[in-house]
Amino acid sequence: MKKIILIGRSECGKTTLTQAMRGETVMYHKTQYVNHYDVIIDTPGEYIQTRTLGGALALYSFEAQVIGLLLSATEPFSLYSPCITGMATREVVGIITKIDHQNARVDLAEQWLKLAGCRTIFRVNSRTGEGVGELIEHLREPGDVLPWDLAQQKSGKTTQNKSKKRVQNTKQRINQ
């Protein structure tokens, strides 16, 4: 899998998404420092919220193949400047979290991420797993065998076509 760095303000859901992507039980845990997992770099929100720490994110991003800009659907504003992705030397994807919250404004969050320059945007609910599979499929590289692939191989079914259709449907929905 491609390595991704998750960037976003405090409490936008970076650590929760990390737990969901790793198949762990989702529970609140405040990230105090940059955590390196196999293919995920989880960063504290204070790094993007504080000008003096923001430069560290640029350095850590060189260790990843994909930069994930997270934005909660409940945000009253975006921390991301317009066209900020133009400064990146790797793929940048937008990830909208908390899509099920009663005050969620998913369309507004999507507009902000598009304005920042994200061409690919995922809508995720880390608690239910909605959208997490599509993000993982996007990060998948040729030859990667994911847990659900093993389950399908054991049952004699293939999910590659279903996965491709699911990803295509998500991209179409976002581009509309």
N, C-alpha and C. Protein backbone atom coordinates (compact mmCIF):
# COMPACT_ATOMS: atom_id res chain seq x y z
N MET A 1 0.83 -1.18 0.00
CA MET A 1 0.00 0.00 0.00
C MET A 1 0.87 1.25 0.00
N LYS A 2 0.37 2.28 -0.65
CA LYS A 2 1.08 3.56 -0.62
C LYS A 2 1.00 4.11 0.79
N LYS A 3 2.08 4.73 1.23
CA LYS A 3 2.11 5.33 2.56
C LYS A 3 1.43 6.69 2.50
N ILE A 4 0.55 6.98 3.47
CA ILE A 4 -0.20 8.23 3.53
C ILE A 4 0.09 8.95 4.82
N ILE A 5 0.21 10.27 4.73
CA ILE A 5 0.32 11.12 5.92
C ILE A 5 -1.02 11.82 6.09
N LEU A 6 -1.57 11.78 7.29
CA LEU A 6 -2.87 12.39 7.58
C LEU A 6 -2.63 13.74 8.26
N ILE A 7 -3.14 14.80 7.63
CA ILE A 7 -2.95 16.16 8.12
C ILE A 7 -4.32 16.80 8.32
N GLY A 8 -4.50 17.47 9.45
CA GLY A 8 -5.75 18.15 9.74
C GLY A 8 -5.71 18.74 11.13
N ARG A 9 -6.66 19.59 11.43
CA ARG A 9 -6.67 20.23 12.74
C ARG A 9 -7.02 19.23 13.84
N SER A 10 -6.82 19.63 15.08
CA SER A 10 -7.14 18.77 16.22
C SER A 10 -8.60 18.36 16.18
N GLU A 11 -8.86 17.14 16.50
CA GLU A 11 -10.19 16.56 16.62
C GLU A 11 -10.95 16.45 15.30
N CYS A 12 -10.23 16.45 14.18
CA CYS A 12 -10.94 16.28 12.89
C CYS A 12 -11.10 14.80 12.54
N GLY A 13 -10.43 13.91 13.28
CA GLY A 13 -10.63 12.47 13.06
C GLY A 13 -9.45 11.73 12.47
N LYS A 14 -8.26 12.28 12.55
CA LYS A 14 -7.07 11.62 11.97
C LYS A 14 -6.77 10.30 12.67
N THR A 15 -6.72 10.32 13.99
CA THR A 15 -6.39 9.10 14.74
C THR A 15 -7.52 8.08 14.63
N THR A 16 -8.75 8.54 14.66
CA THR A 16 -9.89 7.63 14.50
C THR A 16 -9.86 6.96 13.14
N LEU A 17 -9.54 7.72 12.10
CA LEU A 17 -9.41 7.15 10.76
C LEU A 17 -8.25 6.15 10.72
N THR A 18 -7.16 6.49 11.36
CA THR A 18 -6.01 5.57 11.43
C THR A 18 -6.43 4.25 12.05
N GLN A 19 -7.17 4.31 13.16
CA GLN A 19 -7.64 3.10 13.83
C GLN A 19 -8.56 2.30 12.91
N ALA A 20 -9.45 2.99 12.21
CA ALA A 20 -10.38 2.31 11.30
C ALA A 20 -9.63 1.65 10.15
N MET A 21 -8.65 2.34 9.59
CA MET A 21 -7.89 1.78 8.47
C MET A 21 -7.06 0.58 8.90
N ARG A 22 -6.63 0.56 10.15
CA ARG A 22 -5.83 -0.55 10.65
C ARG A 22 -6.69 -1.68 11.21
N GLY A 23 -8.02 -1.50 11.18
CA GLY A 23 -8.91 -2.54 11.67
C GLY A 23 -8.97 -2.64 13.18
N GLU A 24 -8.59 -1.58 13.86
CA GLU A 24 -8.59 -1.57 15.32
C GLU A 24 -9.93 -1.08 15.85
N THR A 25 -10.17 -1.30 17.12
CA THR A 25 -11.35 -0.76 17.77
C THR A 25 -11.20 0.75 17.82
N VAL A 26 -12.21 1.47 17.36
CA VAL A 26 -12.15 2.92 17.32
C VAL A 26 -12.46 3.47 18.70
N MET A 27 -11.48 4.21 19.26
CA MET A 27 -11.69 4.87 20.55
C MET A 27 -10.84 6.14 20.56
N TYR A 28 -11.30 7.13 21.29
CA TYR A 28 -10.61 8.41 21.30
C TYR A 28 -9.24 8.27 21.94
N HIS A 29 -8.26 8.84 21.27
CA HIS A 29 -6.88 8.89 21.77
C HIS A 29 -6.25 10.15 21.21
N LYS A 30 -5.81 11.05 22.07
CA LYS A 30 -5.18 12.30 21.63
C LYS A 30 -3.77 12.01 21.16
N THR A 31 -3.48 12.39 19.92
CA THR A 31 -2.14 12.21 19.36
C THR A 31 -1.23 13.31 19.90
N GLN A 32 -0.16 12.91 20.59
CA GLN A 32 0.76 13.86 21.20
C GLN A 32 2.00 14.12 20.35
N TYR A 33 2.28 13.22 19.42
CA TYR A 33 3.47 13.32 18.58
C TYR A 33 3.19 12.60 17.27
N VAL A 34 4.07 12.74 16.31
CA VAL A 34 3.88 12.11 15.01
C VAL A 34 4.04 10.60 15.18
N ASN A 35 3.00 9.86 14.81
CA ASN A 35 3.02 8.39 14.91
C ASN A 35 3.23 7.78 13.54
N HIS A 36 4.22 6.91 13.43
CA HIS A 36 4.48 6.20 12.18
C HIS A 36 3.97 4.77 12.34
N TYR A 37 2.99 4.42 11.53
CA TYR A 37 2.53 3.05 11.46
C TYR A 37 3.05 2.48 10.14
N ASP A 38 2.71 1.26 9.82
CA ASP A 38 3.24 0.63 8.60
C ASP A 38 3.09 1.54 7.39
N VAL A 39 1.87 1.94 7.09
CA VAL A 39 1.62 2.74 5.88
C VAL A 39 0.85 4.02 6.19
N ILE A 40 0.79 4.40 7.46
CA ILE A 40 0.05 5.60 7.87
C ILE A 40 0.93 6.43 8.79
N ILE A 41 0.98 7.74 8.51
CA ILE A 41 1.64 8.67 9.42
C ILE A 41 0.53 9.55 9.99
N ASP A 42 0.32 9.47 11.31
CA ASP A 42 -0.72 10.22 12.00
C ASP A 42 -0.06 11.40 12.69
N THR A 43 -0.51 12.61 12.39
CA THR A 43 0.13 13.81 12.93
C THR A 43 -0.79 14.53 13.91
N PRO A 44 -0.22 15.20 14.90
CA PRO A 44 -1.04 16.01 15.81
C PRO A 44 -1.61 17.23 15.08
N GLY A 45 -2.83 17.61 15.42
CA GLY A 45 -3.47 18.75 14.79
C GLY A 45 -2.75 20.06 15.05
N GLU A 46 -2.05 20.13 16.17
CA GLU A 46 -1.34 21.36 16.51
C GLU A 46 -0.29 21.72 15.46
N TYR A 47 0.18 20.73 14.72
CA TYR A 47 1.20 21.00 13.71
C TYR A 47 0.66 21.89 12.59
N ILE A 48 -0.59 21.68 12.20
CA ILE A 48 -1.15 22.52 11.13
C ILE A 48 -1.76 23.80 11.69
N GLN A 49 -2.08 23.79 12.97
CA GLN A 49 -2.70 24.95 13.59
C GLN A 49 -1.68 25.98 14.08
N THR A 50 -0.41 25.60 14.11
CA THR A 50 0.63 26.47 14.63
C THR A 50 1.66 26.73 13.54
N ARG A 51 1.86 27.96 13.21
CA ARG A 51 2.77 28.33 12.11
C ARG A 51 4.17 27.78 12.33
N THR A 52 4.67 27.81 13.55
CA THR A 52 6.05 27.36 13.79
C THR A 52 6.21 25.85 13.63
N LEU A 53 5.14 25.10 13.78
CA LEU A 53 5.22 23.65 13.62
C LEU A 53 4.82 23.19 12.22
N GLY A 54 4.21 24.07 11.44
CA GLY A 54 3.74 23.70 10.11
C GLY A 54 4.83 23.20 9.19
N GLY A 55 6.03 23.74 9.32
CA GLY A 55 7.15 23.30 8.49
C GLY A 55 7.50 21.84 8.72
N ALA A 56 7.26 21.36 9.93
CA ALA A 56 7.55 19.95 10.22
C ALA A 56 6.67 19.03 9.37
N LEU A 57 5.43 19.46 9.09
CA LEU A 57 4.55 18.64 8.25
C LEU A 57 5.12 18.48 6.85
N ALA A 58 5.72 19.54 6.33
CA ALA A 58 6.34 19.46 5.01
C ALA A 58 7.45 18.42 5.03
N LEU A 59 8.24 18.40 6.08
CA LEU A 59 9.33 17.42 6.17
C LEU A 59 8.79 16.00 6.30
N TYR A 60 7.79 15.81 7.16
CA TYR A 60 7.22 14.47 7.34
C TYR A 60 6.53 13.98 6.06
N SER A 61 6.00 14.92 5.27
CA SER A 61 5.29 14.51 4.06
C SER A 61 6.22 13.83 3.05
N PHE A 62 7.52 14.09 3.13
CA PHE A 62 8.45 13.45 2.22
C PHE A 62 8.59 11.95 2.50
N GLU A 63 8.11 11.50 3.66
CA GLU A 63 8.16 10.08 3.99
C GLU A 63 6.93 9.34 3.47
N ALA A 64 5.99 10.05 2.88
CA ALA A 64 4.75 9.44 2.40
C ALA A 64 4.65 9.59 0.88
N GLN A 65 3.84 8.71 0.29
CA GLN A 65 3.57 8.80 -1.14
C GLN A 65 2.31 9.61 -1.42
N VAL A 66 1.43 9.70 -0.42
CA VAL A 66 0.16 10.41 -0.56
C VAL A 66 -0.03 11.30 0.67
N ILE A 67 -0.51 12.51 0.42
CA ILE A 67 -0.84 13.43 1.51
C ILE A 67 -2.35 13.46 1.63
N GLY A 68 -2.87 13.19 2.81
CA GLY A 68 -4.30 13.23 3.05
C GLY A 68 -4.66 14.46 3.86
N LEU A 69 -5.40 15.39 3.26
CA LEU A 69 -5.88 16.56 3.98
C LEU A 69 -7.25 16.24 4.55
N LEU A 70 -7.35 16.17 5.86
CA LEU A 70 -8.62 15.85 6.51
C LEU A 70 -9.35 17.12 6.88
N LEU A 71 -10.66 17.08 6.70
CA LEU A 71 -11.52 18.19 7.06
C LEU A 71 -12.82 17.60 7.60
N SER A 72 -13.14 17.95 8.83
CA SER A 72 -14.39 17.49 9.42
C SER A 72 -15.56 18.19 8.74
N ALA A 73 -16.63 17.46 8.53
CA ALA A 73 -17.83 18.04 7.91
C ALA A 73 -18.51 19.02 8.86
N THR A 74 -18.03 19.12 10.09
CA THR A 74 -18.63 20.03 11.07
C THR A 74 -17.82 21.32 11.22
N GLU A 75 -16.76 21.48 10.45
CA GLU A 75 -15.89 22.65 10.58
C GLU A 75 -16.62 23.94 10.20
N PRO A 76 -16.38 25.02 10.97
CA PRO A 76 -16.97 26.31 10.60
C PRO A 76 -16.13 27.04 9.55
N PHE A 77 -14.89 26.59 9.33
CA PHE A 77 -13.99 27.20 8.34
C PHE A 77 -12.93 26.17 7.96
N SER A 78 -12.17 26.48 6.91
CA SER A 78 -11.11 25.59 6.46
C SER A 78 -9.75 26.19 6.79
N LEU A 79 -8.84 25.35 7.27
CA LEU A 79 -7.48 25.80 7.53
C LEU A 79 -6.64 25.83 6.26
N TYR A 80 -7.13 25.24 5.19
CA TYR A 80 -6.34 25.08 3.97
C TYR A 80 -6.52 26.29 3.04
N SER A 81 -5.42 26.86 2.63
CA SER A 81 -5.44 27.98 1.70
C SER A 81 -5.86 27.50 0.32
N PRO A 82 -6.45 28.37 -0.48
CA PRO A 82 -6.78 27.99 -1.85
C PRO A 82 -5.52 27.57 -2.62
N CYS A 83 -5.65 26.52 -3.40
CA CYS A 83 -4.57 26.01 -4.27
C CYS A 83 -3.32 25.59 -3.51
N ILE A 84 -3.44 25.22 -2.25
CA ILE A 84 -2.28 24.83 -1.44
C ILE A 84 -1.63 23.55 -1.96
N THR A 85 -2.40 22.69 -2.63
CA THR A 85 -1.84 21.42 -3.10
C THR A 85 -0.81 21.63 -4.21
N GLY A 86 -0.82 22.79 -4.83
CA GLY A 86 0.15 23.07 -5.88
C GLY A 86 1.59 23.06 -5.37
N MET A 87 1.76 23.21 -4.07
CA MET A 87 3.09 23.21 -3.47
C MET A 87 3.58 21.80 -3.16
N ALA A 88 2.71 20.83 -3.24
CA ALA A 88 3.07 19.45 -2.89
C ALA A 88 3.77 18.75 -4.05
N THR A 89 4.69 17.88 -3.70
CA THR A 89 5.42 17.11 -4.70
C THR A 89 4.90 15.68 -4.81
N ARG A 90 3.77 15.42 -4.21
CA ARG A 90 3.15 14.09 -4.27
C ARG A 90 1.64 14.25 -4.34
N GLU A 91 0.97 13.15 -4.56
CA GLU A 91 -0.49 13.18 -4.68
C GLU A 91 -1.11 13.67 -3.37
N VAL A 92 -2.12 14.53 -3.49
CA VAL A 92 -2.85 15.04 -2.33
C VAL A 92 -4.32 14.66 -2.51
N VAL A 93 -4.88 13.99 -1.49
CA VAL A 93 -6.30 13.64 -1.53
C VAL A 93 -7.00 14.35 -0.38
N GLY A 94 -8.25 14.66 -0.57
CA GLY A 94 -9.07 15.25 0.48
C GLY A 94 -9.88 14.15 1.16
N ILE A 95 -10.03 14.26 2.46
CA ILE A 95 -10.80 13.27 3.22
C ILE A 95 -11.74 14.03 4.14
N ILE A 96 -13.04 13.85 3.91
CA ILE A 96 -14.05 14.49 4.74
C ILE A 96 -14.46 13.49 5.82
N THR A 97 -14.36 13.90 7.08
CA THR A 97 -14.70 13.03 8.21
C THR A 97 -15.99 13.52 8.87
N LYS A 98 -16.50 12.71 9.76
CA LYS A 98 -17.70 13.03 10.55
C LYS A 98 -18.90 13.33 9.65
N ILE A 99 -19.03 12.55 8.58
CA ILE A 99 -20.10 12.79 7.61
C ILE A 99 -21.48 12.47 8.15
N ASP A 100 -21.55 11.73 9.26
CA ASP A 100 -22.84 11.35 9.84
C ASP A 100 -23.29 12.27 10.97
N HIS A 101 -22.47 13.26 11.32
CA HIS A 101 -22.79 14.16 12.43
C HIS A 101 -24.05 14.97 12.09
N GLN A 102 -24.85 15.26 13.09
CA GLN A 102 -26.11 15.99 12.85
C GLN A 102 -25.87 17.39 12.29
N ASN A 103 -24.72 17.99 12.57
CA ASN A 103 -24.39 19.31 12.04
C ASN A 103 -23.45 19.26 10.84
N ALA A 104 -23.34 18.10 10.23
CA ALA A 104 -22.41 17.94 9.11
C ALA A 104 -22.85 18.76 7.90
N ARG A 105 -21.87 19.40 7.28
CA ARG A 105 -22.07 20.14 6.03
C ARG A 105 -21.05 19.58 5.03
N VAL A 106 -21.33 18.38 4.57
CA VAL A 106 -20.41 17.63 3.72
C VAL A 106 -20.11 18.38 2.43
N ASP A 107 -21.14 18.95 1.81
CA ASP A 107 -20.94 19.67 0.55
C ASP A 107 -20.02 20.88 0.72
N LEU A 108 -20.15 21.59 1.84
CA LEU A 108 -19.29 22.74 2.10
C LEU A 108 -17.84 22.29 2.30
N ALA A 109 -17.65 21.22 3.07
CA ALA A 109 -16.30 20.68 3.29
C ALA A 109 -15.69 20.24 1.96
N GLU A 110 -16.50 19.63 1.11
CA GLU A 110 -16.01 19.20 -0.20
C GLU A 110 -15.59 20.39 -1.05
N GLN A 111 -16.37 21.46 -1.02
CA GLN A 111 -16.02 22.67 -1.76
C GLN A 111 -14.69 23.25 -1.28
N TRP A 112 -14.48 23.27 0.04
CA TRP A 112 -13.24 23.79 0.59
C TRP A 112 -12.05 22.95 0.15
N LEU A 113 -12.21 21.62 0.14
CA LEU A 113 -11.10 20.75 -0.28
C LEU A 113 -10.82 20.91 -1.78
N LYS A 114 -11.88 21.06 -2.57
CA LYS A 114 -11.67 21.32 -4.00
C LYS A 114 -10.95 22.64 -4.20
N LEU A 115 -11.33 23.66 -3.44
CA LEU A 115 -10.68 24.97 -3.52
C LEU A 115 -9.21 24.86 -3.13
N ALA A 116 -8.90 23.99 -2.19
CA ALA A 116 -7.51 23.78 -1.78
C ALA A 116 -6.71 23.08 -2.88
N GLY A 117 -7.42 22.42 -3.80
CA GLY A 117 -6.75 21.76 -4.92
C GLY A 117 -6.87 20.25 -4.94
N CYS A 118 -7.63 19.68 -4.03
CA CYS A 118 -7.79 18.22 -4.00
C CYS A 118 -8.67 17.77 -5.16
N ARG A 119 -8.15 16.87 -5.97
CA ARG A 119 -8.93 16.35 -7.10
C ARG A 119 -9.71 15.10 -6.71
N THR A 120 -9.16 14.34 -5.79
CA THR A 120 -9.82 13.14 -5.30
C THR A 120 -10.23 13.39 -3.86
N ILE A 121 -11.51 13.18 -3.57
CA ILE A 121 -12.03 13.44 -2.23
C ILE A 121 -12.82 12.23 -1.75
N PHE A 122 -12.54 11.81 -0.53
CA PHE A 122 -13.25 10.68 0.07
C PHE A 122 -14.10 11.17 1.23
N ARG A 123 -15.30 10.62 1.31
CA ARG A 123 -16.19 10.90 2.44
C ARG A 123 -16.16 9.67 3.33
N VAL A 124 -15.73 9.85 4.59
CA VAL A 124 -15.59 8.70 5.47
C VAL A 124 -16.31 8.88 6.80
N ASN A 125 -16.75 7.76 7.31
CA ASN A 125 -17.27 7.66 8.67
C ASN A 125 -16.45 6.56 9.32
N SER A 126 -15.48 6.95 10.13
CA SER A 126 -14.56 5.98 10.71
C SER A 126 -15.24 5.03 11.68
N ARG A 127 -16.33 5.46 12.28
CA ARG A 127 -17.02 4.59 13.25
C ARG A 127 -17.79 3.46 12.58
N THR A 128 -18.42 3.74 11.43
CA THR A 128 -19.17 2.70 10.72
C THR A 128 -18.35 2.05 9.62
N GLY A 129 -17.25 2.70 9.22
CA GLY A 129 -16.41 2.17 8.15
C GLY A 129 -16.80 2.67 6.77
N GLU A 130 -17.85 3.48 6.68
CA GLU A 130 -18.29 4.00 5.39
C GLU A 130 -17.16 4.83 4.75
N GLY A 131 -16.80 4.49 3.53
CA GLY A 131 -15.78 5.22 2.79
C GLY A 131 -14.35 4.81 3.10
N VAL A 132 -14.13 4.11 4.19
CA VAL A 132 -12.77 3.70 4.56
C VAL A 132 -12.21 2.70 3.56
N GLY A 133 -13.04 1.76 3.12
CA GLY A 133 -12.61 0.77 2.13
C GLY A 133 -12.20 1.42 0.82
N GLU A 134 -12.93 2.44 0.41
CA GLU A 134 -12.60 3.14 -0.84
C GLU A 134 -11.24 3.84 -0.72
N LEU A 135 -10.98 4.43 0.44
CA LEU A 135 -9.68 5.08 0.65
C LEU A 135 -8.56 4.04 0.61
N ILE A 136 -8.77 2.93 1.27
CA ILE A 136 -7.75 1.87 1.27
C ILE A 136 -7.54 1.34 -0.15
N GLU A 137 -8.62 1.17 -0.91
CA GLU A 137 -8.48 0.72 -2.30
C GLU A 137 -7.68 1.72 -3.12
N HIS A 138 -7.87 3.00 -2.85
CA HIS A 138 -7.13 4.04 -3.58
C HIS A 138 -5.63 3.93 -3.28
N LEU A 139 -5.29 3.57 -2.07
CA LEU A 139 -3.89 3.46 -1.66
C LEU A 139 -3.26 2.14 -2.08
N ARG A 140 -4.08 1.22 -2.51
CA ARG A 140 -3.61 -0.12 -2.88
C ARG A 140 -2.67 -0.06 -4.08
N GLU A 141 -1.62 -0.85 -4.02
CA GLU A 141 -0.68 -0.98 -5.12
C GLU A 141 -0.79 -2.38 -5.72
N PRO A 142 -0.36 -2.53 -6.97
CA PRO A 142 -0.42 -3.87 -7.59
C PRO A 142 0.30 -4.90 -6.73
N GLY A 143 -0.36 -6.01 -6.53
CA GLY A 143 0.23 -7.09 -5.73
C GLY A 143 -0.15 -7.06 -4.27
N ASP A 144 -0.75 -5.95 -3.80
CA ASP A 144 -1.17 -5.89 -2.40
C ASP A 144 -2.30 -6.87 -2.17
N VAL A 145 -2.23 -7.61 -1.07
CA VAL A 145 -3.31 -8.50 -0.67
C VAL A 145 -3.86 -7.96 0.63
N LEU A 146 -5.10 -7.51 0.57
CA LEU A 146 -5.74 -6.91 1.73
C LEU A 146 -6.58 -7.97 2.46
N PRO A 147 -6.90 -7.73 3.73
CA PRO A 147 -7.62 -8.74 4.51
C PRO A 147 -8.89 -9.26 3.86
N TRP A 148 -9.68 -8.36 3.21
CA TRP A 148 -10.91 -8.84 2.60
C TRP A 148 -10.64 -9.67 1.36
N ASP A 149 -9.48 -9.46 0.73
CA ASP A 149 -9.10 -10.30 -0.40
C ASP A 149 -8.88 -11.74 0.08
N LEU A 150 -8.21 -11.89 1.21
CA LEU A 150 -7.96 -13.22 1.76
C LEU A 150 -9.27 -13.91 2.11
N ALA A 151 -10.20 -13.16 2.69
CA ALA A 151 -11.50 -13.75 3.04
C ALA A 151 -12.24 -14.22 1.80
N GLN A 152 -12.17 -13.40 0.73
CA GLN A 152 -12.86 -13.77 -0.51
C GLN A 152 -12.18 -14.96 -1.18
N GLN A 153 -10.84 -15.02 -1.10
CA GLN A 153 -10.12 -16.15 -1.69
C GLN A 153 -10.51 -17.45 -0.99
N LYS A 154 -10.68 -17.38 0.32
CA LYS A 154 -11.07 -18.57 1.08
C LYS A 154 -12.47 -19.03 0.68
N SER A 155 -13.36 -18.07 0.39
CA SER A 155 -14.73 -18.44 0.03
C SER A 155 -14.86 -18.71 -1.47
N GLY A 156 -13.79 -18.44 -2.24
CA GLY A 156 -13.81 -18.72 -3.68
C GLY A 156 -14.40 -17.62 -4.52
N LYS A 157 -14.63 -16.44 -3.95
CA LYS A 157 -15.20 -15.32 -4.69
C LYS A 157 -14.11 -14.28 -4.93
N THR A 158 -14.31 -13.44 -5.94
CA THR A 158 -13.38 -12.34 -6.18
C THR A 158 -14.12 -11.03 -6.00
N THR A 159 -13.41 -10.05 -5.45
CA THR A 159 -14.04 -8.75 -5.19
C THR A 159 -13.37 -7.63 -5.97
N GLN A 160 -12.41 -7.97 -6.80
CA GLN A 160 -11.69 -6.90 -7.49
C GLN A 160 -12.64 -6.05 -8.33
N ASN A 161 -13.56 -6.68 -9.08
CA ASN A 161 -14.51 -5.89 -9.88
C ASN A 161 -15.43 -5.07 -8.99
N LYS A 162 -15.89 -5.65 -7.88
CA LYS A 162 -16.74 -4.91 -6.96
C LYS A 162 -15.99 -3.72 -6.38
N SER A 163 -14.72 -3.93 -6.03
CA SER A 163 -13.92 -2.84 -5.46
C SER A 163 -13.75 -1.73 -6.48
N LYS A 164 -13.45 -2.09 -7.73
CA LYS A 164 -13.28 -1.07 -8.76
C LYS A 164 -14.58 -0.30 -8.97
N LYS A 165 -15.71 -0.99 -9.00
CA LYS A 165 -16.99 -0.32 -9.18
C LYS A 165 -17.28 0.62 -8.01
N ARG A 166 -16.99 0.15 -6.79
CA ARG A 166 -17.23 0.97 -5.60
C ARG A 166 -16.39 2.24 -5.66
N VAL A 167 -15.13 2.13 -6.05
CA VAL A 167 -14.25 3.30 -6.16
C VAL A 167 -14.74 4.22 -7.27
N GLN A 168 -15.13 3.66 -8.42
CA GLN A 168 -15.64 4.48 -9.52
C GLN A 168 -16.90 5.22 -9.12
N ASN A 169 -17.80 4.54 -8.42
CA ASN A 169 -19.05 5.18 -7.98
C ASN A 169 -18.75 6.33 -7.02
N THR A 170 -17.78 6.13 -6.10
CA THR A 170 -17.43 7.19 -5.17
C THR A 170 -16.86 8.38 -5.91
N LYS A 171 -15.95 8.15 -6.86
CA LYS A 171 -15.35 9.24 -7.62
C LYS A 171 -16.41 9.98 -8.43
N GLN A 172 -17.36 9.23 -9.05
CA GLN A 172 -18.42 9.88 -9.83
C GLN A 172 -19.29 10.75 -8.92
N ARG A 173 -19.63 10.23 -7.75
CA ARG A 173 -20.48 10.97 -6.83
C ARG A 173 -19.79 12.26 -6.40
N ILE A 174 -18.50 12.21 -6.17
CA ILE A 174 -17.76 13.38 -5.72
C ILE A 174 -17.61 14.39 -6.85
N ASN A 175 -17.40 13.93 -8.07
CA ASN A 175 -17.21 14.85 -9.19
C ASN A 175 -18.50 15.51 -9.65
N GLN A 176 -19.64 15.06 -9.18
CA GLN A 176 -20.92 15.65 -9.60
C GLN A 176 -21.18 16.96 -8.92
